[in-house]
Amino acid sequence: MRILIPIIFICILLSLGSALFFMMRDKGSSSNMVRSLFLRIGLSIFLFATVWFSHYMGWIQSTGIRVGS
């Protein structure tokens, strides 16, 4: 999990960067930016589900940081 989660996060950032690139280059004339943003949304949902499932299975532990104290 220490390797998988950062790799997914880096892929999310790369997808966001490619959407910015296509937005600047194509000026909205193609659907490349939309595809990149849909990929980013899918990767974000997959990352959330991976973290949730890993915590549920006990593969990762919460840090115990107290909120509001």
PDB file of N, CA and C in Angstrom:
ATOM      1  N   MET A   1       0.813  -1.191   0.000  1.00  0.00           N
ATOM      2  CA  MET A   1       0.000   0.000   0.000  1.00  0.00           C
ATOM      3  C   MET A   1       0.860   1.259   0.000  1.00  0.00           C
ATOM      4  N   ARG A   2       2.069   1.178   0.545  1.00  0.00           N
ATOM      5  CA  ARG A   2       2.933   2.353   0.577  1.00  0.00           C
ATOM      6  C   ARG A   2       3.386   2.771  -0.813  1.00  0.00           C
ATOM      7  N   ILE A   3       3.324   1.851  -1.747  1.00  0.00           N
ATOM      8  CA  ILE A   3       3.723   2.168  -3.121  1.00  0.00           C
ATOM      9  C   ILE A   3       2.495   2.462  -3.985  1.00  0.00           C
ATOM     10  N   LEU A   4       1.429   1.701  -3.823  1.00  0.00           N
ATOM     11  CA  LEU A   4       0.254   1.823  -4.680  1.00  0.00           C
ATOM     12  C   LEU A   4      -0.437   3.173  -4.527  1.00  0.00           C
ATOM     13  N   ILE A   5      -0.642   3.634  -3.319  1.00  0.00           N
ATOM     14  CA  ILE A   5      -1.367   4.882  -3.093  1.00  0.00           C
ATOM     15  C   ILE A   5      -0.617   6.088  -3.660  1.00  0.00           C
ATOM     16  N   PRO A   6       0.696   6.242  -3.442  1.00  0.00           N
ATOM     17  CA  PRO A   6       1.394   7.373  -4.089  1.00  0.00           C
ATOM     18  C   PRO A   6       1.413   7.290  -5.617  1.00  0.00           C
ATOM     19  N   ILE A   7       1.468   6.082  -6.167  1.00  0.00           N
ATOM     20  CA  ILE A   7       1.447   5.950  -7.627  1.00  0.00           C
ATOM     21  C   ILE A   7       0.109   6.428  -8.180  1.00  0.00           C
ATOM     22  N   ILE A   8      -0.990   6.048  -7.533  1.00  0.00           N
ATOM     23  CA  ILE A   8      -2.309   6.508  -7.977  1.00  0.00           C
ATOM     24  C   ILE A   8      -2.408   8.027  -7.847  1.00  0.00           C
ATOM     25  N   PHE A   9      -1.881   8.573  -6.757  1.00  0.00           N
ATOM     26  CA  PHE A   9      -1.924  10.024  -6.558  1.00  0.00           C
ATOM     27  C   PHE A   9      -1.127  10.752  -7.633  1.00  0.00           C
ATOM     28  N   ILE A  10       0.038  10.221  -7.989  1.00  0.00           N
ATOM     29  CA  ILE A  10       0.850  10.828  -9.052  1.00  0.00           C
ATOM     30  C   ILE A  10       0.121  10.745 -10.390  1.00  0.00           C
ATOM     31  N   CYS A  11      -0.566   9.636 -10.642  1.00  0.00           N
ATOM     32  CA  CYS A  11      -1.349   9.508 -11.881  1.00  0.00           C
ATOM     33  C   CYS A  11      -2.477  10.535 -11.925  1.00  0.00           C
ATOM     34  N   ILE A  12      -3.083  10.822 -10.788  1.00  0.00           N
ATOM     35  CA  ILE A  12      -4.130  11.846 -10.726  1.00  0.00           C
ATOM     36  C   ILE A  12      -3.547  13.206 -11.089  1.00  0.00           C
ATOM     37  N   LEU A  13      -2.386  13.518 -10.540  1.00  0.00           N
ATOM     38  CA  LEU A  13      -1.745  14.803 -10.846  1.00  0.00           C
ATOM     39  C   LEU A  13      -1.336  14.894 -12.314  1.00  0.00           C
ATOM     40  N   LEU A  14      -0.835  13.792 -12.884  1.00  0.00           N
ATOM     41  CA  LEU A  14      -0.464  13.786 -14.299  1.00  0.00           C
ATOM     42  C   LEU A  14      -1.687  13.973 -15.185  1.00  0.00           C
ATOM     43  N   SER A  15      -2.793  13.358 -14.815  1.00  0.00           N
ATOM     44  CA  SER A  15      -4.021  13.522 -15.581  1.00  0.00           C
ATOM     45  C   SER A  15      -4.513  14.968 -15.516  1.00  0.00           C
ATOM     46  N   LEU A  16      -4.390  15.580 -14.365  1.00  0.00           N
ATOM     47  CA  LEU A  16      -4.781  16.979 -14.225  1.00  0.00           C
ATOM     48  C   LEU A  16      -3.870  17.876 -15.069  1.00  0.00           C
ATOM     49  N   GLY A  17      -2.582  17.569 -15.079  1.00  0.00           N
ATOM     50  CA  GLY A  17      -1.640  18.323 -15.903  1.00  0.00           C
ATOM     51  C   GLY A  17      -1.916  18.160 -17.386  1.00  0.00           C
ATOM     52  N   SER A  18      -2.265  16.952 -17.806  1.00  0.00           N
ATOM     53  CA  SER A  18      -2.565  16.755 -19.223  1.00  0.00           C
ATOM     54  C   SER A  18      -3.846  17.486 -19.616  1.00  0.00           C
ATOM     55  N   ALA A  19      -4.819  17.550 -18.713  1.00  0.00           N
ATOM     56  CA  ALA A  19      -6.035  18.317 -19.002  1.00  0.00           C
ATOM     57  C   ALA A  19      -5.703  19.797 -19.173  1.00  0.00           C
ATOM     58  N   LEU A  20      -4.811  20.321 -18.343  1.00  0.00           N
ATOM     59  CA  LEU A  20      -4.381  21.712 -18.486  1.00  0.00           C
ATOM     60  C   LEU A  20      -3.673  21.920 -19.816  1.00  0.00           C
ATOM     61  N   PHE A  21      -2.814  20.982 -20.185  1.00  0.00           N
ATOM     62  CA  PHE A  21      -2.101  21.068 -21.457  1.00  0.00           C
ATOM     63  C   PHE A  21      -3.070  21.084 -22.638  1.00  0.00           C
ATOM     64  N   PHE A  22      -4.039  20.172 -22.634  1.00  0.00           N
ATOM     65  CA  PHE A  22      -5.001  20.124 -23.724  1.00  0.00           C
ATOM     66  C   PHE A  22      -5.905  21.353 -23.745  1.00  0.00           C
ATOM     67  N   MET A  23      -6.195  21.918 -22.572  1.00  0.00           N
ATOM     68  CA  MET A  23      -7.010  23.119 -22.518  1.00  0.00           C
ATOM     69  C   MET A  23      -6.266  24.278 -23.176  1.00  0.00           C
ATOM     70  N   MET A  24      -4.971  24.388 -22.922  1.00  0.00           N
ATOM     71  CA  MET A  24      -4.182  25.481 -23.487  1.00  0.00           C
ATOM     72  C   MET A  24      -3.908  25.273 -24.976  1.00  0.00           C
ATOM     73  N   ARG A  25      -3.660  24.040 -25.385  1.00  0.00           N
ATOM     74  CA  ARG A  25      -3.275  23.771 -26.770  1.00  0.00           C
ATOM     75  C   ARG A  25      -4.476  23.747 -27.710  1.00  0.00           C
ATOM     76  N   ASP A  26      -5.547  23.051 -27.336  1.00  0.00           N
ATOM     77  CA  ASP A  26      -6.675  22.841 -28.239  1.00  0.00           C
ATOM     78  C   ASP A  26      -7.719  23.953 -28.178  1.00  0.00           C
ATOM     79  N   LYS A  27      -7.712  24.748 -27.139  1.00  0.00           N
ATOM     80  CA  LYS A  27      -8.691  25.829 -26.953  1.00  0.00           C
ATOM     81  C   LYS A  27     -10.132  25.322 -27.008  1.00  0.00           C
ATOM     82  N   GLY A  28     -10.357  24.104 -26.531  1.00  0.00           N
ATOM     83  CA  GLY A  28     -11.704  23.566 -26.455  1.00  0.00           C
ATOM     84  C   GLY A  28     -12.227  22.957 -27.741  1.00  0.00           C
ATOM     85  N   SER A  29     -11.362  22.773 -28.732  1.00  0.00           N
ATOM     86  CA  SER A  29     -11.841  22.235 -30.008  1.00  0.00           C
ATOM     87  C   SER A  29     -11.876  20.708 -30.045  1.00  0.00           C
ATOM     88  N   SER A  30     -11.255  20.049 -29.084  1.00  0.00           N
ATOM     89  CA  SER A  30     -11.283  18.581 -29.056  1.00  0.00           C
ATOM     90  C   SER A  30     -11.750  18.102 -27.686  1.00  0.00           C
ATOM     91  N   SER A  31     -11.971  16.800 -27.582  1.00  0.00           N
ATOM     92  CA  SER A  31     -12.465  16.253 -26.314  1.00  0.00           C
ATOM     93  C   SER A  31     -11.347  15.657 -25.463  1.00  0.00           C
ATOM     94  N   ASN A  32     -10.103  15.976 -25.775  1.00  0.00           N
ATOM     95  CA  ASN A  32      -8.980  15.430 -25.001  1.00  0.00           C
ATOM     96  C   ASN A  32      -9.002  15.901 -23.553  1.00  0.00           C
ATOM     97  N   MET A  33      -9.339  17.170 -23.338  1.00  0.00           N
ATOM     98  CA  MET A  33      -9.374  17.694 -21.974  1.00  0.00           C
ATOM     99  C   MET A  33     -10.472  16.998 -21.168  1.00  0.00           C
ATOM    100  N   VAL A  34     -11.621  16.776 -21.764  1.00  0.00           N
ATOM    101  CA  VAL A  34     -12.725  16.125 -21.067  1.00  0.00           C
ATOM    102  C   VAL A  34     -12.340  14.695 -20.700  1.00  0.00           C
ATOM    103  N   ARG A  35     -11.681  13.997 -21.619  1.00  0.00           N
ATOM    104  CA  ARG A  35     -11.233  12.633 -21.316  1.00  0.00           C
ATOM    105  C   ARG A  35     -10.237  12.626 -20.166  1.00  0.00           C
ATOM    106  N   SER A  36      -9.318  13.589 -20.143  1.00  0.00           N
ATOM    107  CA  SER A  36      -8.340  13.657 -19.059  1.00  0.00           C
ATOM    108  C   SER A  36      -9.010  13.927 -17.717  1.00  0.00           C
ATOM    109  N   LEU A  37     -10.011  14.782 -17.716  1.00  0.00           N
ATOM    110  CA  LEU A  37     -10.707  15.083 -16.464  1.00  0.00           C
ATOM    111  C   LEU A  37     -11.552  13.903 -15.994  1.00  0.00           C
ATOM    112  N   PHE A  38     -12.181  13.185 -16.943  1.00  0.00           N
ATOM    113  CA  PHE A  38     -12.920  11.976 -16.561  1.00  0.00           C
ATOM    114  C   PHE A  38     -11.968  10.921 -15.991  1.00  0.00           C
ATOM    115  N   LEU A  39     -10.779  10.808 -16.561  1.00  0.00           N
ATOM    116  CA  LEU A  39      -9.776   9.881 -16.033  1.00  0.00           C
ATOM    117  C   LEU A  39      -9.379  10.279 -14.620  1.00  0.00           C
ATOM    118  N   ARG A  40      -9.210  11.572 -14.387  1.00  0.00           N
ATOM    119  CA  ARG A  40      -8.848  12.047 -13.047  1.00  0.00           C
ATOM    120  C   ARG A  40      -9.943  11.737 -12.046  1.00  0.00           C
ATOM    121  N   ILE A  41     -11.185  11.922 -12.430  1.00  0.00           N
ATOM    122  CA  ILE A  41     -12.306  11.607 -11.531  1.00  0.00           C
ATOM    123  C   ILE A  41     -12.332  10.117 -11.217  1.00  0.00           C
ATOM    124  N   GLY A  42     -12.154   9.297 -12.239  1.00  0.00           N
ATOM    125  CA  GLY A  42     -12.135   7.849 -12.026  1.00  0.00           C
ATOM    126  C   GLY A  42     -10.997   7.410 -11.129  1.00  0.00           C
ATOM    127  N   LEU A  43      -9.809   7.999 -11.335  1.00  0.00           N
ATOM    128  CA  LEU A  43      -8.670   7.656 -10.481  1.00  0.00           C
ATOM    129  C   LEU A  43      -8.884   8.120  -9.045  1.00  0.00           C
ATOM    130  N   SER A  44      -9.515   9.274  -8.873  1.00  0.00           N
ATOM    131  CA  SER A  44      -9.793   9.773  -7.520  1.00  0.00           C
ATOM    132  C   SER A  44     -10.769   8.859  -6.783  1.00  0.00           C
ATOM    133  N   ILE A  45     -11.797   8.411  -7.484  1.00  0.00           N
ATOM    134  CA  ILE A  45     -12.745   7.484  -6.867  1.00  0.00           C
ATOM    135  C   ILE A  45     -12.058   6.164  -6.532  1.00  0.00           C
ATOM    136  N   PHE A  46     -11.206   5.691  -7.457  1.00  0.00           N
ATOM    137  CA  PHE A  46     -10.470   4.457  -7.210  1.00  0.00           C
ATOM    138  C   PHE A  46      -9.523   4.599  -6.020  1.00  0.00           C
ATOM    139  N   LEU A  47      -8.857   5.756  -5.882  1.00  0.00           N
ATOM    140  CA  LEU A  47      -7.974   5.993  -4.742  1.00  0.00           C
ATOM    141  C   LEU A  47      -8.754   5.985  -3.438  1.00  0.00           C
ATOM    142  N   PHE A  48      -9.903   6.656  -3.409  1.00  0.00           N
ATOM    143  CA  PHE A  48     -10.729   6.669  -2.208  1.00  0.00           C
ATOM    144  C   PHE A  48     -11.167   5.258  -1.831  1.00  0.00           C
ATOM    145  N   ALA A  49     -11.628   4.498  -2.824  1.00  0.00           N
ATOM    146  CA  ALA A  49     -12.083   3.134  -2.557  1.00  0.00           C
ATOM    147  C   ALA A  49     -10.928   2.250  -2.091  1.00  0.00           C
ATOM    148  N   THR A  50      -9.746   2.453  -2.651  1.00  0.00           N
ATOM    149  CA  THR A  50      -8.574   1.670  -2.248  1.00  0.00           C
ATOM    150  C   THR A  50      -8.191   1.959  -0.802  1.00  0.00           C
ATOM    151  N   VAL A  51      -8.181   3.229  -0.429  1.00  0.00           N
ATOM    152  CA  VAL A  51      -7.840   3.599   0.950  1.00  0.00           C
ATOM    153  C   VAL A  51      -8.888   3.061   1.915  1.00  0.00           C
ATOM    154  N   TRP A  52     -10.157   3.205   1.551  1.00  0.00           N
ATOM    155  CA  TRP A  52     -11.225   2.707   2.418  1.00  0.00           C
ATOM    156  C   TRP A  52     -11.141   1.195   2.586  1.00  0.00           C
ATOM    157  N   PHE A  53     -10.964   0.460   1.490  1.00  0.00           N
ATOM    158  CA  PHE A  53     -10.896  -0.994   1.556  1.00  0.00           C
ATOM    159  C   PHE A  53      -9.645  -1.454   2.315  1.00  0.00           C
ATOM    160  N   SER A  54      -8.525  -0.765   2.117  1.00  0.00           N
ATOM    161  CA  SER A  54      -7.295  -1.122   2.825  1.00  0.00           C
ATOM    162  C   SER A  54      -7.439  -0.921   4.325  1.00  0.00           C
ATOM    163  N   HIS A  55      -8.112   0.143   4.717  1.00  0.00           N
ATOM    164  CA  HIS A  55      -8.346   0.368   6.145  1.00  0.00           C
ATOM    165  C   HIS A  55      -9.291  -0.690   6.698  1.00  0.00           C
ATOM    166  N   TYR A  56     -10.322  -1.037   5.932  1.00  0.00           N
ATOM    167  CA  TYR A  56     -11.284  -2.051   6.349  1.00  0.00           C
ATOM    168  C   TYR A  56     -10.609  -3.414   6.538  1.00  0.00           C
ATOM    169  N   MET A  57      -9.680  -3.755   5.642  1.00  0.00           N
ATOM    170  CA  MET A  57      -8.985  -5.040   5.718  1.00  0.00           C
ATOM    171  C   MET A  57      -7.856  -5.039   6.757  1.00  0.00           C
ATOM    172  N   GLY A  58      -7.493  -3.862   7.267  1.00  0.00           N
ATOM    173  CA  GLY A  58      -6.438  -3.781   8.269  1.00  0.00           C
ATOM    174  C   GLY A  58      -5.048  -3.653   7.679  1.00  0.00           C
ATOM    175  N   TRP A  59      -4.960  -3.397   6.374  1.00  0.00           N
ATOM    176  CA  TRP A  59      -3.654  -3.263   5.729  1.00  0.00           C
ATOM    177  C   TRP A  59      -3.003  -1.933   6.062  1.00  0.00           C
ATOM    178  N   ILE A  60      -3.804  -0.915   6.341  1.00  0.00           N
ATOM    179  CA  ILE A  60      -3.299   0.376   6.797  1.00  0.00           C
ATOM    180  C   ILE A  60      -4.028   0.753   8.072  1.00  0.00           C
ATOM    181  N   GLN A  61      -3.398   1.539   8.910  1.00  0.00           N
ATOM    182  CA  GLN A  61      -3.968   1.927  10.187  1.00  0.00           C
ATOM    183  C   GLN A  61      -4.160   3.423  10.225  1.00  0.00           C
ATOM    184  N   SER A  62      -5.151   3.867  10.967  1.00  0.00           N
ATOM    185  CA  SER A  62      -5.346   5.312  11.147  1.00  0.00           C
ATOM    186  C   SER A  62      -4.264   5.833  12.081  1.00  0.00           C
ATOM    187  N   THR A  63      -3.981   7.120  11.990  1.00  0.00           N
ATOM    188  CA  THR A  63      -2.897   7.710  12.760  1.00  0.00           C
ATOM    189  C   THR A  63      -3.300   8.069  14.179  1.00  0.00           C
ATOM    190  N   GLY A  64      -4.576   8.225  14.428  1.00  0.00           N
ATOM    191  CA  GLY A  64      -5.029   8.571  15.759  1.00  0.00           C
ATOM    192  C   GLY A  64      -4.931  10.052  16.061  1.00  0.00           C
ATOM    193  N   ILE A  65      -4.867  10.904  15.052  1.00  0.00           N
ATOM    194  CA  ILE A  65      -4.818  12.345  15.255  1.00  0.00           C
ATOM    195  C   ILE A  65      -6.191  12.801  15.726  1.00  0.00           C
ATOM    196  N   ARG A  66      -6.208  13.512  16.826  1.00  0.00           N
ATOM    197  CA  ARG A  66      -7.460  13.984  17.391  1.00  0.00           C
ATOM    198  C   ARG A  66      -7.884  15.271  16.701  1.00  0.00           C
ATOM    199  N   VAL A  67      -9.117  15.311  16.287  1.00  0.00           N
ATOM    200  CA  VAL A  67      -9.633  16.489  15.614  1.00  0.00           C
ATOM    201  C   VAL A  67     -10.364  17.349  16.616  1.00  0.00           C
ATOM    202  N   GLY A  68     -10.025  18.643  16.654  1.00  0.00           N
ATOM    203  CA  GLY A  68     -10.720  19.577  17.532  1.00  0.00           C
ATOM    204  C   GLY A  68     -10.202  19.616  18.953  1.00  0.00           C
ATOM    205  N   SER A  69      -9.085  18.998  19.253  1.00  0.00           N
ATOM    206  CA  SER A  69      -8.576  19.031  20.626  1.00  0.00           C
ATOM    207  C   SER A  69      -7.304  19.834  20.714  1.00  0.00           C
TER     208      SER A  69
END
